[in-house]
Amino acid sequence: MKRALITGLGGFVASHLAEYLLANTGWEIVGAMRWNDSLDNLEELSDRINRNDRIRIFYSDLNDAGSMRNAVKGADYIFHLAAQSYPKTSFDIPTETIQTNVIGTLNLLEAVRNEAPQAWTHVCSSSEVYGRVPKEFVPINEDCRFHPASPYAISKAGTDMLGQLYAQAYGLNVIITRMFTHTGPRRGDVFSESTFAKQIAMIEAGMIPPVIKVGNLNSLRTIADVRDAVRAYHMALTENPKSGEVYNIGGSHTCTVGDVLESLFDAAGHRYGIEIDHDRLRPIDADLQVPDCSKFKAHTGWQPEIPFKQTMEDLLDYWRKRVKKCTVLQR
């Protein structure tokens, strides 16, 4: 049986990837995560984890090189999704962001080089590496120069370059993806569309006043569903994979952050007043995040399938369920 290692199993994307691989492959899944990580995103997987039904947790830490060597042993596929993944938060904890994302990725790739050099490894970079792109370079292709606009984006540029280096210098089977905005159920509430959905759900429940706090509503995004994203990640390592390649991956629905808020109002069936909360603005915003994904689509045949409207409805329903359980706090 093939074995896949997913780092950051407790995270938003990793939990969806585990569900996808269990449903669509016969692989054994090993999920690496820190001992104190939240298990909230693993609720749908809890029964199978408890029964060791093709999925188990391996406690480790990207900053512990020894645990990384143990984690990768026997892996045929490695999906490196663990990271400090919040751009706005990275301005508050830049050192931790760089340490976890750059040195942590270095530890992982060194572990692969020494313990699993045959494995196909997916290094998850980010569209944030492109930063503030001039309009003449939009839509953004893989040749666009880096102009990272946050400590997180800088850390992902390092992650990206390390993946390319280990493919070129050591001959490892490494593929790098630069994923653009992706969302859906379990999306962290530090991201605009998810905090909007959370606030609407809390307003409906009478937990907070009828005001939506926002940041930059004019920022342009192309949005994909997380379930389309994890399908793309699987295809990146299984559809005629080519080591050292870098791919943009993103959705087909382009809109402003303000349009996203309007779509959530439509999904909710009502509206509330809007208050601009400037504390939620980043010091610098990567505001023209529109991808050219033709390279990845041509190589794999992948296309986004889940409509934007469904993504927004599912995200709002997720927060309604969380609020009903009284397990949320206002940030």
Protein backbone atom coordinates (compact mmCIF):
# COMPACT_ATOMS: atom_id res chain seq x y z
CA MET A 1 0.00 0.00 0.00
CA LYS A 2 1.31 3.46 -0.90
CA ARG A 3 1.88 5.83 1.99
CA ALA A 4 1.26 9.58 1.96
CA LEU A 5 2.57 11.96 4.61
CA ILE A 6 0.60 15.19 5.14
CA THR A 7 2.28 17.80 7.31
CA GLY A 8 0.01 20.07 9.32
CA LEU A 9 -2.85 17.55 9.39
CA GLY A 10 -4.90 19.68 11.79
CA GLY A 11 -4.98 22.58 9.36
CA PHE A 12 -7.74 23.77 7.08
CA VAL A 13 -6.35 22.47 3.78
CA ALA A 14 -4.62 19.39 5.18
CA SER A 15 -7.79 18.04 6.76
CA HIS A 16 -9.63 18.38 3.44
CA LEU A 17 -6.73 16.71 1.62
CA ALA A 18 -6.82 13.75 4.02
CA GLU A 19 -10.54 13.33 3.38
CA TYR A 20 -9.99 13.50 -0.38
CA LEU A 21 -7.17 10.93 -0.37
CA LEU A 22 -9.13 8.51 1.80
CA ALA A 23 -12.11 8.74 -0.57
CA ASN A 24 -10.19 8.64 -3.86
CA THR A 25 -7.08 6.51 -3.30
CA GLY A 26 -6.15 3.31 -1.50
CA TRP A 27 -3.22 4.98 0.24
CA GLU A 28 -2.33 4.90 3.92
CA ILE A 29 -2.31 8.44 5.33
CA VAL A 30 0.12 9.62 7.99
CA GLY A 31 -0.73 13.04 9.36
CA ALA A 32 2.11 14.95 10.99
CA MET A 33 1.12 17.56 13.55
CA ARG A 34 2.31 19.09 16.80
CA TRP A 35 1.08 17.52 20.03
CA ASN A 36 -0.76 20.71 21.04
CA ASP A 37 -2.40 21.50 17.67
CA SER A 38 -6.18 21.86 17.62
CA LEU A 39 -8.13 18.77 16.57
CA ASP A 40 -11.24 20.76 15.58
CA ASN A 41 -10.71 20.28 11.83
CA LEU A 42 -10.39 16.51 12.23
CA GLU A 43 -13.92 15.92 13.49
CA GLU A 44 -14.97 14.19 10.25
CA LEU A 45 -11.89 11.96 10.44
CA SER A 46 -11.97 11.17 14.16
CA ASP A 47 -13.62 7.76 13.87
CA ARG A 48 -11.17 6.54 11.24
CA ILE A 49 -8.20 7.90 13.19
CA ASN A 50 -9.38 6.18 16.36
CA ARG A 51 -9.73 2.87 14.48
CA ASN A 52 -6.42 3.38 12.63
CA ASP A 53 -8.42 2.92 9.43
CA ARG A 54 -5.81 3.95 6.82
CA ILE A 55 -5.05 7.15 8.71
CA ARG A 56 -2.99 7.87 11.82
CA ILE A 57 -1.45 10.87 13.53
CA PHE A 58 2.32 11.21 13.91
CA TYR A 59 3.28 13.87 16.42
CA SER A 60 6.24 15.95 15.26
CA ASP A 61 7.37 19.52 14.65
CA LEU A 62 8.92 21.18 11.61
CA ASN A 63 11.47 22.81 13.91
CA ASP A 64 12.57 19.41 15.27
CA ALA A 65 14.77 17.93 12.53
CA GLY A 66 14.85 14.49 14.17
CA SER A 67 11.08 14.19 14.25
CA MET A 68 10.96 15.17 10.57
CA ARG A 69 13.35 12.36 9.68
CA ASN A 70 11.09 9.90 11.47
CA ALA A 71 7.96 11.33 9.89
CA VAL A 72 9.10 10.92 6.27
CA LYS A 73 10.38 7.35 6.58
CA GLY A 74 8.48 5.01 4.27
CA ALA A 75 6.56 7.80 2.53
CA ASP A 76 5.84 7.52 -1.18
CA TYR A 77 4.13 10.92 -1.35
CA ILE A 78 4.65 13.95 0.88
CA PHE A 79 2.29 16.92 0.97
CA HIS A 80 3.99 19.71 2.88
CA LEU A 81 1.14 21.93 4.09
CA ALA A 82 2.28 22.81 7.63
CA ALA A 83 3.07 26.50 8.06
CA GLN A 84 2.37 29.70 9.92
CA SER A 85 -0.15 30.57 7.23
CA TYR A 86 -1.71 33.90 8.23
CA PRO A 87 -0.30 36.93 6.33
CA LYS A 88 -1.71 39.55 8.71
CA THR A 89 -0.54 37.63 11.79
CA SER A 90 2.97 37.43 10.33
CA PHE A 91 3.41 41.16 10.96
CA ASP A 92 2.99 40.43 14.68
CA ILE A 93 5.18 37.29 14.77
CA PRO A 94 7.70 37.66 11.93
CA THR A 95 10.45 35.61 13.57
CA GLU A 96 8.19 32.63 14.25
CA THR A 97 6.81 32.89 10.71
CA ILE A 98 10.27 32.79 9.09
CA GLN A 99 11.50 30.09 11.47
CA THR A 100 8.54 27.77 10.91
CA ASN A 101 8.09 28.27 7.19
CA VAL A 102 11.69 28.54 5.99
CA ILE A 103 13.79 26.59 8.49
CA GLY A 104 10.94 24.13 8.99
CA THR A 105 10.77 23.45 5.26
CA LEU A 106 14.55 23.09 5.18
CA ASN A 107 14.31 20.48 7.95
CA LEU A 108 11.66 18.60 6.01
CA LEU A 109 13.60 18.60 2.73
CA GLU A 110 16.78 17.49 4.49
CA ALA A 111 14.77 14.66 6.04
CA VAL A 112 13.47 13.67 2.61
CA ARG A 113 16.99 13.81 1.14
CA ASN A 114 18.31 11.46 3.81
CA GLU A 115 15.34 9.18 4.56
CA ALA A 116 12.95 9.17 1.57
CA PRO A 117 14.77 10.42 -1.54
CA GLN A 118 12.41 8.47 -3.80
CA ALA A 119 9.27 10.20 -2.49
CA TRP A 120 7.32 12.69 -4.56
CA THR A 121 7.16 15.83 -2.44
CA HIS A 122 4.71 18.71 -2.82
CA VAL A 123 5.98 22.00 -1.42
CA CYS A 124 3.06 24.36 -0.89
CA SER A 125 4.15 27.90 -1.71
CA SER A 126 1.65 30.74 -2.14
CA SER A 127 0.46 33.39 -4.55
CA GLU A 128 1.49 35.86 -1.83
CA VAL A 129 5.07 35.58 -3.13
CA TYR A 130 4.06 37.78 -6.07
CA GLY A 131 2.90 40.57 -3.77
CA ARG A 132 1.77 43.83 -5.36
CA VAL A 133 1.83 43.06 -9.06
CA PRO A 134 1.62 45.88 -11.64
CA LYS A 135 -1.58 45.75 -13.68
CA GLU A 136 0.32 45.00 -16.89
CA PHE A 137 1.44 41.65 -15.42
CA VAL A 138 -2.09 40.52 -14.50
CA PRO A 139 -3.15 37.72 -14.84
CA ILE A 140 -0.06 36.48 -13.04
CA ASN A 141 1.95 33.63 -14.53
CA GLU A 142 4.81 31.65 -13.01
CA ASP A 143 7.46 33.93 -14.55
CA CYS A 144 6.23 37.01 -12.69
CA ARG A 145 8.91 38.31 -10.33
CA PHE A 146 8.51 38.07 -6.58
CA HIS A 147 7.54 41.18 -4.62
CA PRO A 148 6.39 39.76 -1.25
CA ALA A 149 4.30 42.16 0.84
CA SER A 150 4.39 40.53 4.29
CA PRO A 151 6.73 38.47 6.46
CA TYR A 152 4.52 35.50 5.55
CA ALA A 153 5.02 36.15 1.83
CA ILE A 154 8.79 36.47 2.35
CA SER A 155 8.79 33.15 4.20
CA LYS A 156 6.86 31.51 1.37
CA ALA A 157 9.34 32.89 -1.16
CA GLY A 158 12.03 31.09 0.84
CA THR A 159 9.96 27.92 0.95
CA ASP A 160 9.41 28.12 -2.80
CA MET A 161 13.11 28.59 -3.56
CA LEU A 162 14.14 25.78 -1.23
CA GLY A 163 11.81 23.39 -3.06
CA GLN A 164 13.35 24.34 -6.40
CA LEU A 165 16.89 24.08 -4.99
CA TYR A 166 16.40 20.56 -3.62
CA ALA A 167 14.97 19.40 -6.93
CA GLN A 168 17.85 20.89 -8.92
CA ALA A 169 20.81 20.35 -6.56
CA TYR A 170 19.92 16.97 -5.07
CA GLY A 171 17.63 15.45 -7.69
CA LEU A 172 14.68 15.12 -5.30
CA ASN A 173 11.19 14.69 -6.73
CA VAL A 174 9.84 18.08 -5.64
CA ILE A 175 6.91 20.00 -7.14
CA ILE A 176 6.00 23.51 -6.01
CA THR A 177 2.53 25.02 -6.16
CA ARG A 178 1.57 28.66 -5.73
CA MET A 179 -2.03 28.49 -4.64
CA PHE A 180 -4.19 31.60 -4.96
CA THR A 181 -7.10 32.41 -2.63
CA HIS A 182 -8.99 29.27 -1.63
CA THR A 183 -11.71 28.92 0.93
CA GLY A 184 -14.58 26.80 2.18
CA PRO A 185 -15.65 25.05 5.39
CA ARG A 186 -13.04 25.28 8.20
CA ARG A 187 -11.32 28.34 6.74
CA GLY A 188 -9.61 30.26 9.55
CA ASP A 189 -11.40 33.38 10.75
CA VAL A 190 -8.36 35.59 10.22
CA PHE A 191 -9.21 35.57 6.51
CA SER A 192 -11.72 38.10 5.20
CA GLU A 193 -14.42 35.87 3.72
CA SER A 194 -14.39 33.55 6.71
CA THR A 195 -14.57 36.29 9.32
CA PHE A 196 -17.47 37.83 7.34
CA ALA A 197 -19.32 34.50 7.43
CA LYS A 198 -18.54 34.06 11.11
CA GLN A 199 -19.82 37.54 11.99
CA ILE A 200 -23.04 37.00 10.03
CA ALA A 201 -23.63 33.72 11.87
CA MET A 202 -22.96 35.40 15.23
CA ILE A 203 -25.31 38.28 14.37
CA GLU A 204 -28.04 35.80 13.43
CA ALA A 205 -27.61 34.14 16.82
CA GLY A 206 -27.76 37.49 18.66
CA MET A 207 -24.19 37.11 19.95
CA ILE A 208 -22.88 40.43 18.59
CA PRO A 209 -24.46 43.71 17.36
CA PRO A 210 -25.56 43.87 13.69
CA VAL A 211 -22.28 45.31 12.38
CA ILE A 212 -19.77 43.66 10.05
CA LYS A 213 -16.15 44.66 10.67
CA VAL A 214 -14.03 44.65 7.53
CA GLY A 215 -10.66 45.53 6.06
CA ASN A 216 -9.87 46.41 2.45
CA LEU A 217 -13.04 45.75 0.44
CA ASN A 218 -11.45 46.83 -2.86
CA SER A 219 -8.76 44.15 -2.97
CA LEU A 220 -9.20 41.92 -6.02
CA ARG A 221 -9.10 38.14 -5.61
CA THR A 222 -9.64 35.02 -7.69
CA ILE A 223 -11.27 32.47 -5.41
CA ALA A 224 -11.19 28.68 -5.50
CA ASP A 225 -12.89 26.10 -3.32
CA VAL A 226 -10.55 24.21 -0.98
CA ARG A 227 -11.99 20.92 -2.23
CA ASP A 228 -10.89 21.80 -5.76
CA ALA A 229 -7.50 22.83 -4.37
CA VAL A 230 -6.77 19.49 -2.69
CA ARG A 231 -7.80 17.63 -5.84
CA ALA A 232 -5.22 19.74 -7.68
CA TYR A 233 -2.55 18.87 -5.11
CA HIS A 234 -3.19 15.16 -5.59
CA MET A 235 -3.00 15.55 -9.37
CA ALA A 236 0.26 17.51 -9.09
CA LEU A 237 2.00 14.43 -7.68
CA THR A 238 0.21 11.76 -9.72
CA GLU A 239 -0.48 13.14 -13.23
CA ASN A 240 2.85 12.68 -15.02
CA PRO A 241 4.72 14.62 -12.33
CA LYS A 242 7.86 16.51 -13.34
CA SER A 243 10.39 17.31 -10.66
CA GLY A 244 11.29 20.96 -10.15
CA GLU A 245 8.16 22.32 -11.82
CA VAL A 246 6.32 25.31 -10.35
CA TYR A 247 2.59 25.77 -10.92
CA ASN A 248 0.05 28.48 -10.23
CA ILE A 249 -3.28 27.03 -9.07
CA GLY A 250 -6.42 29.08 -8.59
CA GLY A 251 -10.12 29.40 -9.19
CA SER A 252 -12.12 30.94 -12.00
CA HIS A 253 -14.23 33.45 -10.02
CA THR A 254 -12.59 36.88 -9.77
CA CYS A 255 -14.13 39.58 -7.59
CA THR A 256 -13.36 42.16 -4.93
CA VAL A 257 -13.46 41.39 -1.23
CA GLY A 258 -16.53 43.62 -1.12
CA ASP A 259 -18.22 41.36 -3.68
CA VAL A 260 -17.45 38.39 -1.44
CA LEU A 261 -19.25 40.14 1.42
CA GLU A 262 -22.24 40.81 -0.82
CA SER A 263 -22.35 37.14 -1.83
CA LEU A 264 -22.46 36.12 1.83
CA PHE A 265 -25.32 38.54 2.44
CA ASP A 266 -27.11 36.85 -0.48
CA ALA A 267 -26.43 33.41 1.02
CA ALA A 268 -27.75 34.59 4.38
CA GLY A 269 -30.84 36.17 2.85
CA HIS A 270 -30.42 39.45 4.76
CA ARG A 271 -28.11 42.43 5.23
CA TYR A 272 -26.50 44.29 8.10
CA GLY A 273 -24.73 47.61 8.53
CA ILE A 274 -21.05 47.72 7.67
CA GLU A 275 -18.39 49.30 9.86
CA ILE A 276 -14.90 49.79 8.48
CA ASP A 277 -12.44 48.54 11.09
CA HIS A 278 -8.98 49.74 10.01
CA ASP A 279 -7.29 47.38 12.46
CA ARG A 280 -8.07 44.62 9.99
CA LEU A 281 -6.12 46.22 7.17
CA ARG A 282 -2.65 44.84 6.44
CA PRO A 283 0.19 47.39 6.42
CA ILE A 284 0.70 46.37 2.76
CA ASP A 285 -1.87 44.42 0.76
CA ALA A 286 -1.28 42.14 -2.23
CA ASP A 287 -4.33 43.44 -4.01
CA LEU A 288 -4.33 42.10 -7.59
CA GLN A 289 -4.27 38.37 -7.01
CA VAL A 290 -5.54 37.08 -10.38
CA PRO A 291 -3.76 33.94 -11.63
CA ASP A 292 -2.85 32.46 -14.99
CA CYS A 293 -3.19 28.73 -14.30
CA SER A 294 -2.84 27.57 -17.89
CA LYS A 295 0.44 25.74 -17.26
CA PHE A 296 -1.04 23.48 -14.57
CA LYS A 297 -4.28 22.92 -16.45
CA ALA A 298 -2.44 21.97 -19.63
CA HIS A 299 -0.21 19.51 -17.77
CA THR A 300 -2.84 17.79 -15.62
CA GLY A 301 -6.26 18.57 -17.11
CA TRP A 302 -7.40 20.00 -13.77
CA GLN A 303 -10.27 22.48 -13.74
CA PRO A 304 -12.11 24.03 -10.78
CA GLU A 305 -15.54 22.41 -10.43
CA ILE A 306 -17.28 23.82 -7.35
CA PRO A 307 -19.25 27.04 -8.04
CA PHE A 308 -18.37 30.15 -6.03
CA LYS A 309 -21.97 30.41 -4.80
CA GLN A 310 -21.80 26.92 -3.28
CA THR A 311 -18.47 27.70 -1.63
CA MET A 312 -19.95 30.75 0.09
CA GLU A 313 -23.06 28.87 1.18
CA ASP A 314 -20.99 26.01 2.60
CA LEU A 315 -18.70 28.44 4.42
CA LEU A 316 -21.63 30.24 6.02
CA ASP A 317 -23.27 26.93 7.01
CA TYR A 318 -20.01 25.84 8.63
CA TRP A 319 -19.96 28.93 10.84
CA ARG A 320 -23.65 28.61 11.65
CA LYS A 321 -22.96 25.11 12.99
CA ARG A 322 -19.98 26.35 15.01
CA VAL A 323 -22.03 29.20 16.49
CA LYS A 324 -24.86 26.81 17.34
CA LYS A 325 -22.39 24.79 19.39
CA CYS A 326 -21.29 28.03 21.12
CA THR A 327 -17.64 27.30 20.27
CA VAL A 328 -16.67 30.65 18.76
CA LEU A 329 -15.22 33.88 20.10
CA GLN A 330 -15.24 37.30 18.43
CA ARG A 331 -11.77 38.44 17.39
